[in-house]
Protein backbone atom coordinates (compact mmCIF):
# COMPACT_ATOMS: atom_id res chain seq x y z
CA MET A 1 -53.54 66.34 163.68
CA SER A 2 -55.50 69.39 162.75
CA GLY A 3 -56.28 69.93 159.09
CA VAL A 4 -55.93 66.23 158.24
CA SER A 5 -58.53 64.90 155.87
CA PRO A 6 -60.64 62.44 157.87
CA LEU A 7 -60.94 60.20 154.83
CA GLY A 8 -57.41 60.55 153.52
CA LEU A 9 -56.47 60.06 149.89
CA ILE A 10 -58.07 57.20 148.03
CA LEU A 11 -56.75 55.85 144.74
CA GLU A 12 -59.29 53.83 142.80
CA LEU A 13 -58.02 51.69 139.94
CA GLY A 14 -59.43 49.94 136.92
CA TYR A 15 -58.77 46.20 136.79
CA ASN A 16 -55.75 46.42 134.44
CA TRP A 17 -53.87 48.34 137.16
CA VAL A 18 -54.60 45.93 140.03
CA PRO A 19 -51.67 43.53 139.28
CA HIS A 20 -49.26 46.48 139.40
CA PHE A 21 -50.24 47.08 143.05
CA ASP A 22 -50.60 43.42 144.09
CA ILE A 23 -47.33 42.07 145.50
CA ARG A 24 -48.57 38.49 145.01
CA GLN A 25 -48.74 39.17 141.26
CA GLY A 26 -45.29 40.75 141.09
CA GLY A 27 -46.53 44.34 141.36
CA THR A 28 -43.98 46.93 142.44
CA MET A 29 -46.14 50.05 142.58
CA LEU A 30 -46.73 49.81 146.36
CA SER A 31 -43.02 50.14 147.10
CA SER A 32 -42.80 53.02 144.61
CA LEU A 33 -45.78 54.66 146.31
CA THR A 34 -44.20 54.25 149.75
CA ALA A 35 -40.97 55.87 148.52
CA LEU A 36 -42.97 58.69 146.94
CA ARG A 37 -44.92 59.30 150.17
CA PHE A 38 -41.62 59.54 152.05
CA GLU A 39 -40.17 61.94 149.46
CA ILE A 40 -43.22 64.24 149.52
CA SER A 41 -43.36 64.11 153.32
CA LYS A 42 -39.73 65.19 153.51
CA LYS A 43 -40.19 67.92 150.89
CA TYR A 44 -43.21 69.51 152.62
CA ARG A 45 -42.08 68.57 156.15
CA LYS A 46 -45.48 67.07 156.84
CA GLU A 47 -46.67 63.57 157.53
CA ILE A 48 -48.41 62.05 154.52
CA ARG A 49 -51.00 59.56 155.64
CA PRO A 50 -51.25 56.17 153.98
CA ILE A 51 -53.24 56.03 150.76
CA GLN A 52 -56.18 53.70 150.45
CA ILE A 53 -56.00 51.74 147.21
CA ARG A 54 -59.01 49.93 145.89
CA ASP A 55 -60.31 48.57 142.63
CA ASN A 56 -63.37 50.06 141.01
CA GLN A 57 -65.19 48.03 138.39
CA ASP A 58 -67.04 51.14 137.24
CA LEU A 59 -63.79 52.65 135.92
CA LYS A 60 -62.39 51.85 132.50
CA PRO A 61 -59.87 48.95 132.70
CA ASP A 62 -56.92 51.39 132.53
CA GLY A 63 -58.62 54.12 134.54
CA PHE A 64 -57.72 55.70 137.85
CA CYS A 65 -59.42 58.14 140.16
CA PHE A 66 -58.20 60.20 143.14
CA ILE A 67 -60.69 60.93 145.89
CA SER A 68 -60.13 63.14 148.90
CA ASP A 69 -62.71 64.21 151.47
CA GLY A 70 -65.26 62.22 149.52
CA PHE A 71 -64.77 64.24 146.32
CA VAL A 72 -63.22 63.08 143.07
CA TYR A 73 -60.58 65.63 142.20
CA GLU A 74 -58.85 63.81 139.38
CA LYS A 75 -59.91 61.05 137.06
CA GLY A 76 -58.10 59.73 134.01
CA TRP A 77 -56.56 56.75 132.31
CA VAL A 78 -53.09 55.54 131.46
CA PRO A 79 -52.78 52.35 129.39
CA ALA A 80 -51.31 49.75 131.78
CA ASP A 81 -48.74 47.24 130.53
CA PHE A 82 -47.59 49.36 127.60
CA LEU A 83 -44.65 51.49 126.70
CA LEU A 84 -45.68 55.08 126.04
CA VAL A 85 -43.60 56.73 123.35
CA ALA A 86 -43.40 60.43 122.59
CA ASP A 87 -44.95 60.92 119.18
CA PRO A 88 -42.19 62.43 117.04
CA GLY A 89 -44.78 63.73 114.62
CA ASP A 90 -42.35 63.54 111.72
CA ARG A 91 -42.41 59.80 111.08
CA GLU A 92 -45.02 57.22 110.45
CA HIS A 93 -45.20 54.56 113.15
CA GLU A 94 -44.97 51.87 110.50
CA LEU A 95 -41.48 53.13 109.58
CA LEU A 96 -40.38 52.36 113.12
CA GLY A 97 -41.33 48.71 112.73
CA ILE A 98 -44.08 49.13 115.28
CA GLU A 99 -47.65 48.18 114.61
CA PRO A 100 -49.81 51.27 114.67
CA TYR A 101 -51.26 51.82 118.14
CA PRO A 102 -53.43 54.63 119.37
CA VAL A 103 -51.95 58.10 119.73
CA PHE A 104 -53.32 60.19 122.59
CA PHE A 105 -52.55 63.43 124.37
CA GLU A 106 -51.21 62.91 127.89
CA PRO A 107 -51.93 66.06 129.92
CA MET A 108 -49.48 65.29 132.74
CA LEU A 109 -46.58 65.13 130.26
CA ASN A 110 -48.14 67.74 127.97
CA MET A 111 -47.36 65.69 124.87
CA ARG A 112 -48.80 63.28 122.37
CA LEU A 113 -47.86 59.67 123.02
CA PHE A 114 -48.38 56.50 121.11
CA VAL A 115 -48.87 53.17 122.77
CA SER A 116 -46.44 50.36 122.05
CA PRO A 117 -46.24 46.90 123.61
CA GLU A 118 -43.59 46.85 126.36
CA LYS A 119 -42.11 43.76 124.79
CA SER A 120 -41.63 45.54 121.47
CA GLN A 121 -38.89 44.12 119.24
CA VAL A 122 -37.71 47.62 118.38
CA ASN A 123 -35.35 49.44 120.74
CA LEU A 124 -37.13 52.78 120.72
CA SER A 125 -34.46 54.57 122.74
CA GLN A 126 -31.90 53.76 120.03
CA LEU A 127 -34.19 55.54 117.59
CA GLY A 128 -33.95 58.63 119.77
CA LEU A 129 -37.55 58.45 120.95
CA LEU A 130 -38.53 59.44 124.47
CA THR A 131 -40.21 56.51 126.21
CA TYR A 132 -42.15 56.16 129.45
CA THR A 133 -43.54 53.12 131.18
CA SER A 134 -47.17 53.20 132.23
CA GLU A 135 -46.03 53.07 135.85
CA ASP A 136 -43.85 56.16 135.37
CA VAL A 137 -46.83 58.17 134.16
CA LEU A 138 -49.15 56.96 136.93
CA LEU A 139 -46.45 57.87 139.47
CA LEU A 140 -46.45 61.43 138.08
CA TYR A 141 -50.17 61.61 138.84
CA LEU A 142 -49.53 60.15 142.30
CA ARG A 143 -46.78 62.72 142.94
CA ARG A 144 -49.18 65.55 142.11
CA ALA A 145 -51.98 64.05 144.24
CA LEU A 146 -49.63 63.64 147.21
CA GLY A 147 -48.42 67.21 146.78
CA ILE A 148 -52.03 68.43 146.90
CA GLU A 149 -52.61 66.31 150.00
CA ALA A 150 -49.50 67.78 151.65
CA LEU A 151 -50.52 71.36 150.86
CA PHE A 152 -54.17 71.14 151.86
CA PHE A 153 -54.74 68.18 154.15
CA ALA A 154 -51.56 67.18 155.98
């Protein structure tokens, strides 16, 4: 294939993300990634090559990094194993019955999120709060990375 990146897309992960991609540990992200590759391939009518996934101990535990043609073109972090909740801005987290967790700005969603344990006792959706799983957010980054691969390298 002409125009195909000889190195392909590489996703490097911090150690907190490894179980999400390891089938032996109950990880489901590989099947989600395969479905996403198929979807992007169909959308752009181009073959999307397999993605190399590897751990990188130099990354923060919740970090990730996309590499293509030997260059890092995106690096970030998404807290693995947490529920990410849109910060309503008008309430204190303590009023929600949730211990205060860090609030951060998530550029992919373009919103402030606070981190809550996935096993939280409070049903956040009943409170009218938008919630995302860590996997959902990482898949948004993967979708964008695969779209870039389809446009420039496939």
